[in-house]
Amino acid sequence: MPTVFPGRTGGVHSVTQHAVGTVVNKHVKGKIFAKGIKVHIEHIKRSKSRDVSLRRKKMRKEGSQRERHLGSTDASACSTQRSSLVRTSGKEPGLREPIPYEFMA
């Protein structure tokens, strides 16, 4: 692979016996250009970004099936704080409001 494009992810647009034509993004003076390059097959490896997203999707699906099996809803499953009772010791709770803005000229 040319030294300008190490580790880049691109789309394949043509395949020959010994090379693959790919489209990669190249940064030139703050702009991004789509550039087509030919790369030998030895220099190509499969991108793992799709595998990671599929694995995350599978984990989410298993989690939702497990919660459905247990009968819990998303709201009750996500609550991490325990509820508590606040005592006011006979005092009436007050209402807090912002101080009104006064324009002084």
PDB file of N, CA and C in Angstrom:
ATOM      1  N   MET A   1       0.847  -1.176   0.000  1.00  0.00           N
ATOM      2  CA  MET A   1       0.000   0.000   0.000  1.00  0.00           C
ATOM      3  C   MET A   1       0.892   1.237   0.000  1.00  0.00           C
ATOM      4  N   PRO A   2       0.521   2.271  -0.732  1.00  0.00           N
ATOM      5  CA  PRO A   2       1.337   3.476  -0.727  1.00  0.00           C
ATOM      6  C   PRO A   2       1.473   4.046   0.683  1.00  0.00           C
ATOM      7  N   THR A   3       2.585   4.732   0.935  1.00  0.00           N
ATOM      8  CA  THR A   3       2.863   5.216   2.285  1.00  0.00           C
ATOM      9  C   THR A   3       1.915   6.318   2.720  1.00  0.00           C
ATOM     10  N   VAL A   4       1.162   6.909   1.786  1.00  0.00           N
ATOM     11  CA  VAL A   4       0.251   8.008   2.124  1.00  0.00           C
ATOM     12  C   VAL A   4      -1.024   7.507   2.789  1.00  0.00           C
ATOM     13  N   PHE A   5      -1.393   6.241   2.577  1.00  0.00           N
ATOM     14  CA  PHE A   5      -2.680   5.741   3.020  1.00  0.00           C
ATOM     15  C   PHE A   5      -2.574   4.564   3.997  1.00  0.00           C
ATOM     16  N   PRO A   6      -1.755   4.600   5.025  1.00  0.00           N
ATOM     17  CA  PRO A   6      -1.706   3.443   5.937  1.00  0.00           C
ATOM     18  C   PRO A   6      -2.916   3.424   6.859  1.00  0.00           C
ATOM     19  N   GLY A   7      -3.552   2.280   6.975  1.00  0.00           N
ATOM     20  CA  GLY A   7      -4.667   2.129   7.899  1.00  0.00           C
ATOM     21  C   GLY A   7      -5.953   2.783   7.463  1.00  0.00           C
ATOM     22  N   ARG A   8      -6.083   3.210   6.242  1.00  0.00           N
ATOM     23  CA  ARG A   8      -7.300   3.866   5.779  1.00  0.00           C
ATOM     24  C   ARG A   8      -8.353   2.830   5.422  1.00  0.00           C
ATOM     25  N   THR A   9      -9.596   3.204   5.597  1.00  0.00           N
ATOM     26  CA  THR A   9     -10.701   2.349   5.201  1.00  0.00           C
ATOM     27  C   THR A   9     -11.317   2.934   3.938  1.00  0.00           C
ATOM     28  N   GLY A  10     -11.534   2.100   2.947  1.00  0.00           N
ATOM     29  CA  GLY A  10     -12.108   2.583   1.699  1.00  0.00           C
ATOM     30  C   GLY A  10     -13.014   1.548   1.083  1.00  0.00           C
ATOM     31  N   GLY A  11     -13.726   1.963   0.080  1.00  0.00           N
ATOM     32  CA  GLY A  11     -14.629   1.066  -0.621  1.00  0.00           C
ATOM     33  C   GLY A  11     -13.979   0.492  -1.863  1.00  0.00           C
ATOM     34  N   VAL A  12     -14.283  -0.741  -2.159  1.00  0.00           N
ATOM     35  CA  VAL A  12     -13.725  -1.417  -3.328  1.00  0.00           C
ATOM     36  C   VAL A  12     -14.592  -1.097  -4.537  1.00  0.00           C
ATOM     37  N   HIS A  13     -13.961  -0.684  -5.648  1.00  0.00           N
ATOM     38  CA  HIS A  13     -14.740  -0.417  -6.857  1.00  0.00           C
ATOM     39  C   HIS A  13     -14.340  -1.310  -8.018  1.00  0.00           C
ATOM     40  N   SER A  14     -13.153  -1.934  -7.981  1.00  0.00           N
ATOM     41  CA  SER A  14     -12.789  -2.863  -9.042  1.00  0.00           C
ATOM     42  C   SER A  14     -11.823  -3.902  -8.490  1.00  0.00           C
ATOM     43  N   VAL A  15     -11.874  -5.096  -9.058  1.00  0.00           N
ATOM     44  CA  VAL A  15     -11.020  -6.188  -8.616  1.00  0.00           C
ATOM     45  C   VAL A  15     -10.352  -6.793  -9.847  1.00  0.00           C
ATOM     46  N   THR A  16      -9.024  -6.967  -9.772  1.00  0.00           N
ATOM     47  CA  THR A  16      -8.281  -7.652 -10.827  1.00  0.00           C
ATOM     48  C   THR A  16      -7.594  -8.863 -10.207  1.00  0.00           C
ATOM     49  N   GLN A  17      -6.741  -9.535 -10.985  1.00  0.00           N
ATOM     50  CA  GLN A  17      -6.088 -10.728 -10.469  1.00  0.00           C
ATOM     51  C   GLN A  17      -5.154 -10.415  -9.305  1.00  0.00           C
ATOM     52  N   HIS A  18      -4.397  -9.326  -9.404  1.00  0.00           N
ATOM     53  CA  HIS A  18      -3.358  -9.048  -8.426  1.00  0.00           C
ATOM     54  C   HIS A  18      -3.615  -7.804  -7.589  1.00  0.00           C
ATOM     55  N   ALA A  19      -4.623  -7.009  -7.924  1.00  0.00           N
ATOM     56  CA  ALA A  19      -4.838  -5.746  -7.219  1.00  0.00           C
ATOM     57  C   ALA A  19      -6.331  -5.477  -7.050  1.00  0.00           C
ATOM     58  N   VAL A  20      -6.606  -4.530  -6.177  1.00  0.00           N
ATOM     59  CA  VAL A  20      -7.973  -4.116  -5.902  1.00  0.00           C
ATOM     60  C   VAL A  20      -8.023  -2.603  -6.017  1.00  0.00           C
ATOM     61  N   GLY A  21      -8.996  -2.089  -6.743  1.00  0.00           N
ATOM     62  CA  GLY A  21      -9.186  -0.647  -6.832  1.00  0.00           C
ATOM     63  C   GLY A  21     -10.062  -0.179  -5.686  1.00  0.00           C
ATOM     64  N   THR A  22      -9.571   0.772  -4.904  1.00  0.00           N
ATOM     65  CA  THR A  22     -10.322   1.262  -3.741  1.00  0.00           C
ATOM     66  C   THR A  22     -10.464   2.773  -3.820  1.00  0.00           C
ATOM     67  N   VAL A  23     -11.453   3.287  -3.136  1.00  0.00           N
ATOM     68  CA  VAL A  23     -11.661   4.724  -3.017  1.00  0.00           C
ATOM     69  C   VAL A  23     -11.411   5.078  -1.563  1.00  0.00           C
ATOM     70  N   VAL A  24     -10.439   5.956  -1.313  1.00  0.00           N
ATOM     71  CA  VAL A  24     -10.107   6.391   0.043  1.00  0.00           C
ATOM     72  C   VAL A  24     -10.183   7.909   0.098  1.00  0.00           C
ATOM     73  N   ASN A  25     -10.320   8.442   1.303  1.00  0.00           N
ATOM     74  CA  ASN A  25     -10.347   9.885   1.496  1.00  0.00           C
ATOM     75  C   ASN A  25      -8.940  10.378   1.784  1.00  0.00           C
ATOM     76  N   LYS A  26      -8.518  11.427   1.086  1.00  0.00           N
ATOM     77  CA  LYS A  26      -7.190  12.001   1.270  1.00  0.00           C
ATOM     78  C   LYS A  26      -7.337  13.444   1.726  1.00  0.00           C
ATOM     79  N   HIS A  27      -6.613  13.822   2.767  1.00  0.00           N
ATOM     80  CA  HIS A  27      -6.649  15.179   3.300  1.00  0.00           C
ATOM     81  C   HIS A  27      -5.575  16.017   2.601  1.00  0.00           C
ATOM     82  N   VAL A  28      -5.992  17.104   1.951  1.00  0.00           N
ATOM     83  CA  VAL A  28      -5.058  17.993   1.272  1.00  0.00           C
ATOM     84  C   VAL A  28      -5.414  19.426   1.633  1.00  0.00           C
ATOM     85  N   LYS A  29      -4.546  20.103   2.377  1.00  0.00           N
ATOM     86  CA  LYS A  29      -4.711  21.509   2.758  1.00  0.00           C
ATOM     87  C   LYS A  29      -6.086  21.776   3.372  1.00  0.00           C
ATOM     88  N   GLY A  30      -6.506  20.946   4.308  1.00  0.00           N
ATOM     89  CA  GLY A  30      -7.762  21.151   5.010  1.00  0.00           C
ATOM     90  C   GLY A  30      -8.996  20.677   4.267  1.00  0.00           C
ATOM     91  N   LYS A  31      -8.830  20.133   3.097  1.00  0.00           N
ATOM     92  CA  LYS A  31      -9.964  19.609   2.349  1.00  0.00           C
ATOM     93  C   LYS A  31      -9.837  18.096   2.252  1.00  0.00           C
ATOM     94  N   ILE A  32     -10.936  17.436   1.998  1.00  0.00           N
ATOM     95  CA  ILE A  32     -10.937  15.973   1.890  1.00  0.00           C
ATOM     96  C   ILE A  32     -11.380  15.605   0.479  1.00  0.00           C
ATOM     97  N   PHE A  33     -10.526  14.851  -0.205  1.00  0.00           N
ATOM     98  CA  PHE A  33     -10.821  14.409  -1.557  1.00  0.00           C
ATOM     99  C   PHE A  33     -10.991  12.897  -1.578  1.00  0.00           C
ATOM    100  N   ALA A  34     -11.936  12.411  -2.387  1.00  0.00           N
ATOM    101  CA  ALA A  34     -12.071  10.975  -2.616  1.00  0.00           C
ATOM    102  C   ALA A  34     -11.109  10.616  -3.729  1.00  0.00           C
ATOM    103  N   LYS A  35     -10.224   9.679  -3.451  1.00  0.00           N
ATOM    104  CA  LYS A  35      -9.192   9.341  -4.417  1.00  0.00           C
ATOM    105  C   LYS A  35      -9.221   7.851  -4.681  1.00  0.00           C
ATOM    106  N   GLY A  36      -9.165   7.455  -5.944  1.00  0.00           N
ATOM    107  CA  GLY A  36      -9.131   6.047  -6.308  1.00  0.00           C
ATOM    108  C   GLY A  36      -7.695   5.570  -6.440  1.00  0.00           C
ATOM    109  N   ILE A  37      -7.346   4.480  -5.747  1.00  0.00           N
ATOM    110  CA  ILE A  37      -5.995   3.939  -5.841  1.00  0.00           C
ATOM    111  C   ILE A  37      -6.080   2.436  -6.073  1.00  0.00           C
ATOM    112  N   LYS A  38      -5.025   1.898  -6.665  1.00  0.00           N
ATOM    113  CA  LYS A  38      -4.912   0.452  -6.847  1.00  0.00           C
ATOM    114  C   LYS A  38      -3.978  -0.083  -5.765  1.00  0.00           C
ATOM    115  N   VAL A  39      -4.404  -1.150  -5.095  1.00  0.00           N
ATOM    116  CA  VAL A  39      -3.635  -1.714  -3.994  1.00  0.00           C
ATOM    117  C   VAL A  39      -3.462  -3.208  -4.233  1.00  0.00           C
ATOM    118  N   HIS A  40      -2.242  -3.711  -4.032  1.00  0.00           N
ATOM    119  CA  HIS A  40      -2.014  -5.142  -4.156  1.00  0.00           C
ATOM    120  C   HIS A  40      -2.758  -5.889  -3.053  1.00  0.00           C
ATOM    121  N   ILE A  41      -3.139  -7.112  -3.345  1.00  0.00           N
ATOM    122  CA  ILE A  41      -3.946  -7.907  -2.421  1.00  0.00           C
ATOM    123  C   ILE A  41      -3.208  -8.182  -1.113  1.00  0.00           C
ATOM    124  N   GLU A  42      -1.884  -8.277  -1.144  1.00  0.00           N
ATOM    125  CA  GLU A  42      -1.117  -8.564   0.073  1.00  0.00           C
ATOM    126  C   GLU A  42      -1.250  -7.446   1.109  1.00  0.00           C
ATOM    127  N   HIS A  43      -1.533  -6.232   0.653  1.00  0.00           N
ATOM    128  CA  HIS A  43      -1.574  -5.084   1.552  1.00  0.00           C
ATOM    129  C   HIS A  43      -2.968  -4.808   2.109  1.00  0.00           C
ATOM    130  N   ILE A  44      -3.942  -5.630   1.781  1.00  0.00           N
ATOM    131  CA  ILE A  44      -5.320  -5.381   2.199  1.00  0.00           C
ATOM    132  C   ILE A  44      -5.678  -6.280   3.363  1.00  0.00           C
ATOM    133  N   LYS A  45      -6.352  -5.708   4.366  1.00  0.00           N
ATOM    134  CA  LYS A  45      -6.930  -6.516   5.431  1.00  0.00           C
ATOM    135  C   LYS A  45      -8.343  -6.022   5.694  1.00  0.00           C
ATOM    136  N   ARG A  46      -9.162  -6.901   6.162  1.00  0.00           N
ATOM    137  CA  ARG A  46     -10.572  -6.606   6.366  1.00  0.00           C
ATOM    138  C   ARG A  46     -10.748  -5.621   7.517  1.00  0.00           C
ATOM    139  N   SER A  47     -11.651  -4.657   7.350  1.00  0.00           N
ATOM    140  CA  SER A  47     -11.943  -3.688   8.390  1.00  0.00           C
ATOM    141  C   SER A  47     -12.731  -4.351   9.510  1.00  0.00           C
ATOM    142  N   LYS A  48     -12.393  -4.017  10.746  1.00  0.00           N
ATOM    143  CA  LYS A  48     -13.054  -4.633  11.898  1.00  0.00           C
ATOM    144  C   LYS A  48     -14.188  -3.771  12.449  1.00  0.00           C
ATOM    145  N   SER A  49     -14.431  -2.606  11.851  1.00  0.00           N
ATOM    146  CA  SER A  49     -15.463  -1.721  12.382  1.00  0.00           C
ATOM    147  C   SER A  49     -16.848  -2.353  12.268  1.00  0.00           C
ATOM    148  N   ARG A  50     -17.115  -3.057  11.177  1.00  0.00           N
ATOM    149  CA  ARG A  50     -18.422  -3.708  11.022  1.00  0.00           C
ATOM    150  C   ARG A  50     -18.575  -4.842  12.021  1.00  0.00           C
ATOM    151  N   ASP A  51     -17.506  -5.613  12.252  1.00  0.00           N
ATOM    152  CA  ASP A  51     -17.572  -6.709  13.217  1.00  0.00           C
ATOM    153  C   ASP A  51     -17.894  -6.187  14.610  1.00  0.00           C
ATOM    154  N   VAL A  52     -17.303  -5.063  14.983  1.00  0.00           N
ATOM    155  CA  VAL A  52     -17.549  -4.480  16.298  1.00  0.00           C
ATOM    156  C   VAL A  52     -19.006  -4.044  16.421  1.00  0.00           C
ATOM    157  N   SER A  53     -19.542  -3.394  15.383  1.00  0.00           N
ATOM    158  CA  SER A  53     -20.934  -2.942  15.460  1.00  0.00           C
ATOM    159  C   SER A  53     -21.898  -4.121  15.497  1.00  0.00           C
ATOM    160  N   LEU A  54     -21.610  -5.204  14.751  1.00  0.00           N
ATOM    161  CA  LEU A  54     -22.477  -6.389  14.793  1.00  0.00           C
ATOM    162  C   LEU A  54     -22.428  -7.055  16.164  1.00  0.00           C
ATOM    163  N   ARG A  55     -21.245  -7.098  16.782  1.00  0.00           N
ATOM    164  CA  ARG A  55     -21.115  -7.682  18.112  1.00  0.00           C
ATOM    165  C   ARG A  55     -21.910  -6.867  19.145  1.00  0.00           C
ATOM    166  N   ARG A  56     -21.849  -5.516  19.032  1.00  0.00           N
ATOM    167  CA  ARG A  56     -22.593  -4.653  19.949  1.00  0.00           C
ATOM    168  C   ARG A  56     -24.094  -4.825  19.758  1.00  0.00           C
ATOM    169  N   LYS A  57     -24.535  -4.958  18.497  1.00  0.00           N
ATOM    170  CA  LYS A  57     -25.955  -5.162  18.200  1.00  0.00           C
ATOM    171  C   LYS A  57     -26.439  -6.484  18.792  1.00  0.00           C
ATOM    172  N   LYS A  58     -25.615  -7.538  18.687  1.00  0.00           N
ATOM    173  CA  LYS A  58     -25.970  -8.850  19.230  1.00  0.00           C
ATOM    174  C   LYS A  58     -26.081  -8.796  20.752  1.00  0.00           C
ATOM    175  N   MET A  59     -25.161  -8.081  21.413  1.00  0.00           N
ATOM    176  CA  MET A  59     -25.216  -7.961  22.877  1.00  0.00           C
ATOM    177  C   MET A  59     -26.478  -7.234  23.311  1.00  0.00           C
ATOM    178  N   ARG A  60     -26.846  -6.150  22.566  1.00  0.00           N
ATOM    179  CA  ARG A  60     -28.070  -5.421  22.906  1.00  0.00           C
ATOM    180  C   ARG A  60     -29.296  -6.299  22.763  1.00  0.00           C
ATOM    181  N   LYS A  61     -29.316  -7.114  21.710  1.00  0.00           N
ATOM    182  CA  LYS A  61     -30.464  -7.992  21.473  1.00  0.00           C
ATOM    183  C   LYS A  61     -30.575  -9.040  22.573  1.00  0.00           C
ATOM    184  N   GLU A  62     -29.456  -9.630  22.984  1.00  0.00           N
ATOM    185  CA  GLU A  62     -29.472 -10.615  24.066  1.00  0.00           C
ATOM    186  C   GLU A  62     -29.932  -9.994  25.374  1.00  0.00           C
ATOM    187  N   GLY A  63     -29.493  -8.756  25.646  1.00  0.00           N
ATOM    188  CA  GLY A  63     -29.905  -8.074  26.872  1.00  0.00           C
ATOM    189  C   GLY A  63     -31.398  -7.802  26.894  1.00  0.00           C
ATOM    190  N   SER A  64     -31.957  -7.382  25.754  1.00  0.00           N
ATOM    191  CA  SER A  64     -33.389  -7.101  25.725  1.00  0.00           C
ATOM    192  C   SER A  64     -34.197  -8.384  25.854  1.00  0.00           C
ATOM    193  N   GLN A  65     -33.723  -9.488  25.264  1.00  0.00           N
ATOM    194  CA  GLN A  65     -34.426 -10.758  25.410  1.00  0.00           C
ATOM    195  C   GLN A  65     -34.392 -11.243  26.856  1.00  0.00           C
ATOM    196  N   ARG A  66     -33.251 -11.042  27.533  1.00  0.00           N
ATOM    197  CA  ARG A  66     -33.124 -11.455  28.931  1.00  0.00           C
ATOM    198  C   ARG A  66     -34.083 -10.645  29.814  1.00  0.00           C
ATOM    199  N   GLU A  67     -34.173  -9.340  29.565  1.00  0.00           N
ATOM    200  CA  GLU A  67     -35.076  -8.513  30.361  1.00  0.00           C
ATOM    201  C   GLU A  67     -36.530  -8.837  30.063  1.00  0.00           C
ATOM    202  N   ARG A  68     -36.844  -9.141  28.806  1.00  0.00           N
ATOM    203  CA  ARG A  68     -38.197  -9.529  28.475  1.00  0.00           C
ATOM    204  C   ARG A  68     -38.566 -10.830  29.178  1.00  0.00           C
ATOM    205  N   HIS A  69     -37.595 -11.729  29.278  1.00  0.00           N
ATOM    206  CA  HIS A  69     -37.826 -13.006  29.945  1.00  0.00           C
ATOM    207  C   HIS A  69     -38.051 -12.793  31.451  1.00  0.00           C
ATOM    208  N   LEU A  70     -37.315 -11.860  32.035  1.00  0.00           N
ATOM    209  CA  LEU A  70     -37.473 -11.588  33.465  1.00  0.00           C
ATOM    210  C   LEU A  70     -38.716 -10.762  33.772  1.00  0.00           C
ATOM    211  N   GLY A  71     -39.261 -10.095  32.763  1.00  0.00           N
ATOM    212  CA  GLY A  71     -40.486  -9.318  32.960  1.00  0.00           C
ATOM    213  C   GLY A  71     -40.233  -7.905  33.424  1.00  0.00           C
ATOM    214  N   SER A  72     -39.020  -7.403  33.324  1.00  0.00           N
ATOM    215  CA  SER A  72     -38.748  -6.043  33.757  1.00  0.00           C
ATOM    216  C   SER A  72     -38.844  -5.104  32.572  1.00  0.00           C
ATOM    217  N   THR A  73     -39.131  -3.836  32.852  1.00  0.00           N
ATOM    218  CA  THR A  73     -39.182  -2.834  31.804  1.00  0.00           C
ATOM    219  C   THR A  73     -37.874  -2.068  31.796  1.00  0.00           C
ATOM    220  N   ASP A  74     -37.679  -1.282  30.753  1.00  0.00           N
ATOM    221  CA  ASP A  74     -36.429  -0.531  30.635  1.00  0.00           C
ATOM    222  C   ASP A  74     -36.280   0.474  31.765  1.00  0.00           C
ATOM    223  N   ALA A  75     -37.379   1.121  32.176  1.00  0.00           N
ATOM    224  CA  ALA A  75     -37.289   2.138  33.217  1.00  0.00           C
ATOM    225  C   ALA A  75     -36.878   1.524  34.550  1.00  0.00           C
ATOM    226  N   SER A  76     -37.445   0.388  34.899  1.00  0.00           N
ATOM    227  CA  SER A  76     -37.084  -0.216  36.174  1.00  0.00           C
ATOM    228  C   SER A  76     -35.707  -0.857  36.124  1.00  0.00           C
ATOM    229  N   ALA A  77     -35.279  -1.303  34.961  1.00  0.00           N
ATOM    230  CA  ALA A  77     -33.969  -1.928  34.843  1.00  0.00           C
ATOM    231  C   ALA A  77     -32.864  -0.884  34.919  1.00  0.00           C
ATOM    232  N   CYS A  78     -33.149   0.344  34.497  1.00  0.00           N
ATOM    233  CA  CYS A  78     -32.118   1.378  34.467  1.00  0.00           C
ATOM    234  C   CYS A  78     -32.001   2.128  35.782  1.00  0.00           C
ATOM    235  N   SER A  79     -32.979   2.044  36.654  1.00  0.00           N
ATOM    236  CA  SER A  79     -32.905   2.819  37.886  1.00  0.00           C
ATOM    237  C   SER A  79     -31.837   2.230  38.794  1.00  0.00           C
ATOM    238  N   THR A  80     -30.839   3.035  39.115  1.00  0.00           N
ATOM    239  CA  THR A  80     -29.737   2.574  39.951  1.00  0.00           C
ATOM    240  C   THR A  80     -29.829   3.131  41.361  1.00  0.00           C
ATOM    241  N   GLN A  81     -30.586   4.221  41.555  1.00  0.00           N
ATOM    242  CA  GLN A  81     -30.704   4.807  42.883  1.00  0.00           C
ATOM    243  C   GLN A  81     -31.893   4.208  43.614  1.00  0.00           C
ATOM    244  N   ARG A  82     -31.708   4.043  44.906  1.00  0.00           N
ATOM    245  CA  ARG A  82     -32.815   3.547  45.715  1.00  0.00           C
ATOM    246  C   ARG A  82     -33.676   4.737  46.145  1.00  0.00           C
ATOM    247  N   SER A  83     -34.955   4.506  46.282  1.00  0.00           N
ATOM    248  CA  SER A  83     -35.836   5.586  46.707  1.00  0.00           C
ATOM    249  C   SER A  83     -35.689   5.815  48.211  1.00  0.00           C
ATOM    250  N   SER A  84     -35.921   7.051  48.631  1.00  0.00           N
ATOM    251  CA  SER A  84     -35.812   7.373  50.046  1.00  0.00           C
ATOM    252  C   SER A  84     -36.873   8.406  50.404  1.00  0.00           C
ATOM    253  N   LEU A  85     -37.194   8.492  51.684  1.00  0.00           N
ATOM    254  CA  LEU A  85     -38.199   9.416  52.188  1.00  0.00           C
ATOM    255  C   LEU A  85     -37.492  10.614  52.800  1.00  0.00           C
ATOM    256  N   VAL A  86     -37.899  11.813  52.429  1.00  0.00           N
ATOM    257  CA  VAL A  86     -37.307  13.028  52.964  1.00  0.00           C
ATOM    258  C   VAL A  86     -38.213  13.565  54.051  1.00  0.00           C
ATOM    259  N   ARG A  87     -37.674  13.748  55.237  1.00  0.00           N
ATOM    260  CA  ARG A  87     -38.458  14.280  56.360  1.00  0.00           C
ATOM    261  C   ARG A  87     -38.217  15.786  56.481  1.00  0.00           C
ATOM    262  N   THR A  88     -39.300  16.548  56.732  1.00  0.00           N
ATOM    263  CA  THR A  88     -39.182  17.999  56.834  1.00  0.00           C
ATOM    264  C   THR A  88     -39.271  18.482  58.276  1.00  0.00           C
ATOM    265  N   SER A  89     -39.443  17.592  59.227  1.00  0.00           N
ATOM    266  CA  SER A  89     -39.520  17.923  60.662  1.00  0.00           C
ATOM    267  C   SER A  89     -40.595  18.952  60.950  1.00  0.00           C
ATOM    268  N   GLY A  90     -41.747  18.831  60.320  1.00  0.00           N
ATOM    269  CA  GLY A  90     -42.876  19.712  60.587  1.00  0.00           C
ATOM    270  C   GLY A  90     -42.839  21.021  59.822  1.00  0.00           C
ATOM    271  N   LYS A  91     -41.772  21.319  59.109  1.00  0.00           N
ATOM    272  CA  LYS A  91     -41.683  22.570  58.353  1.00  0.00           C
ATOM    273  C   LYS A  91     -42.316  22.375  56.976  1.00  0.00           C
ATOM    274  N   GLU A  92     -42.898  23.447  56.485  1.00  0.00           N
ATOM    275  CA  GLU A  92     -43.527  23.404  55.168  1.00  0.00           C
ATOM    276  C   GLU A  92     -42.443  23.592  54.090  1.00  0.00           C
ATOM    277  N   PRO A  93     -42.398  22.742  53.084  1.00  0.00           N
ATOM    278  CA  PRO A  93     -41.403  22.939  52.039  1.00  0.00           C
ATOM    279  C   PRO A  93     -41.675  24.210  51.250  1.00  0.00           C
ATOM    280  N   GLY A  94     -40.613  24.931  50.920  1.00  0.00           N
ATOM    281  CA  GLY A  94     -40.760  26.200  50.212  1.00  0.00           C
ATOM    282  C   GLY A  94     -40.482  26.052  48.734  1.00  0.00           C
ATOM    283  N   LEU A  95     -40.883  27.065  47.976  1.00  0.00           N
ATOM    284  CA  LEU A  95     -40.692  27.081  46.547  1.00  0.00           C
ATOM    285  C   LEU A  95     -39.539  28.022  46.222  1.00  0.00           C
ATOM    286  N   ARG A  96     -38.566  27.554  45.470  1.00  0.00           N
ATOM    287  CA  ARG A  96     -37.420  28.383  45.112  1.00  0.00           C
ATOM    288  C   ARG A  96     -37.636  28.927  43.708  1.00  0.00           C
ATOM    289  N   GLU A  97     -37.444  30.243  43.572  1.00  0.00           N
ATOM    290  CA  GLU A  97     -37.617  30.901  42.290  1.00  0.00           C
ATOM    291  C   GLU A  97     -36.380  31.743  41.984  1.00  0.00           C
ATOM    292  N   PRO A  98     -36.114  31.997  40.714  1.00  0.00           N
ATOM    293  CA  PRO A  98     -34.979  32.865  40.394  1.00  0.00           C
ATOM    294  C   PRO A  98     -35.272  34.317  40.768  1.00  0.00           C
ATOM    295  N   ILE A  99     -34.233  35.055  41.041  1.00  0.00           N
ATOM    296  CA  ILE A  99     -34.380  36.472  41.368  1.00  0.00           C
ATOM    297  C   ILE A  99     -34.732  37.218  40.088  1.00  0.00           C
ATOM    298  N   PRO A 100     -35.784  38.057  40.097  1.00  0.00           N
ATOM    299  CA  PRO A 100     -36.148  38.772  38.872  1.00  0.00           C
ATOM    300  C   PRO A 100     -35.069  39.778  38.485  1.00  0.00           C
ATOM    301  N   TYR A 101     -34.844  39.908  37.171  1.00  0.00           N
ATOM    302  CA  TYR A 101     -33.826  40.815  36.669  1.00  0.00           C
ATOM    303  C   TYR A 101     -34.353  42.243  36.689  1.00  0.00           C
ATOM    304  N   GLU A 102     -33.544  43.168  37.270  1.00  0.00           N
ATOM    305  CA  GLU A 102     -33.919  44.588  37.330  1.00  0.00           C
ATOM    306  C   GLU A 102     -32.936  45.355  36.488  1.00  0.00           C
ATOM    307  N   PHE A 103     -33.438  46.067  35.487  1.00  0.00           N
ATOM    308  CA  PHE A 103     -32.574  46.852  34.619  1.00  0.00           C
ATOM    309  C   PHE A 103     -32.342  48.189  35.254  1.00  0.00           C
ATOM    310  N   MET A 104     -31.090  48.539  35.508  1.00  0.00           N
ATOM    311  CA  MET A 104     -30.746  49.837  36.093  1.00  0.00           C
ATOM    312  C   MET A 104     -29.990  50.658  35.044  1.00  0.00           C
ATOM    313  N   ALA A 105     -30.582  51.805  34.699  1.00  0.00           N
ATOM    314  CA  ALA A 105     -29.939  52.641  33.674  1.00  0.00           C
ATOM    315  C   ALA A 105     -29.281  53.841  34.257  1.00  0.00           C
TER     316      ALA A 105
END
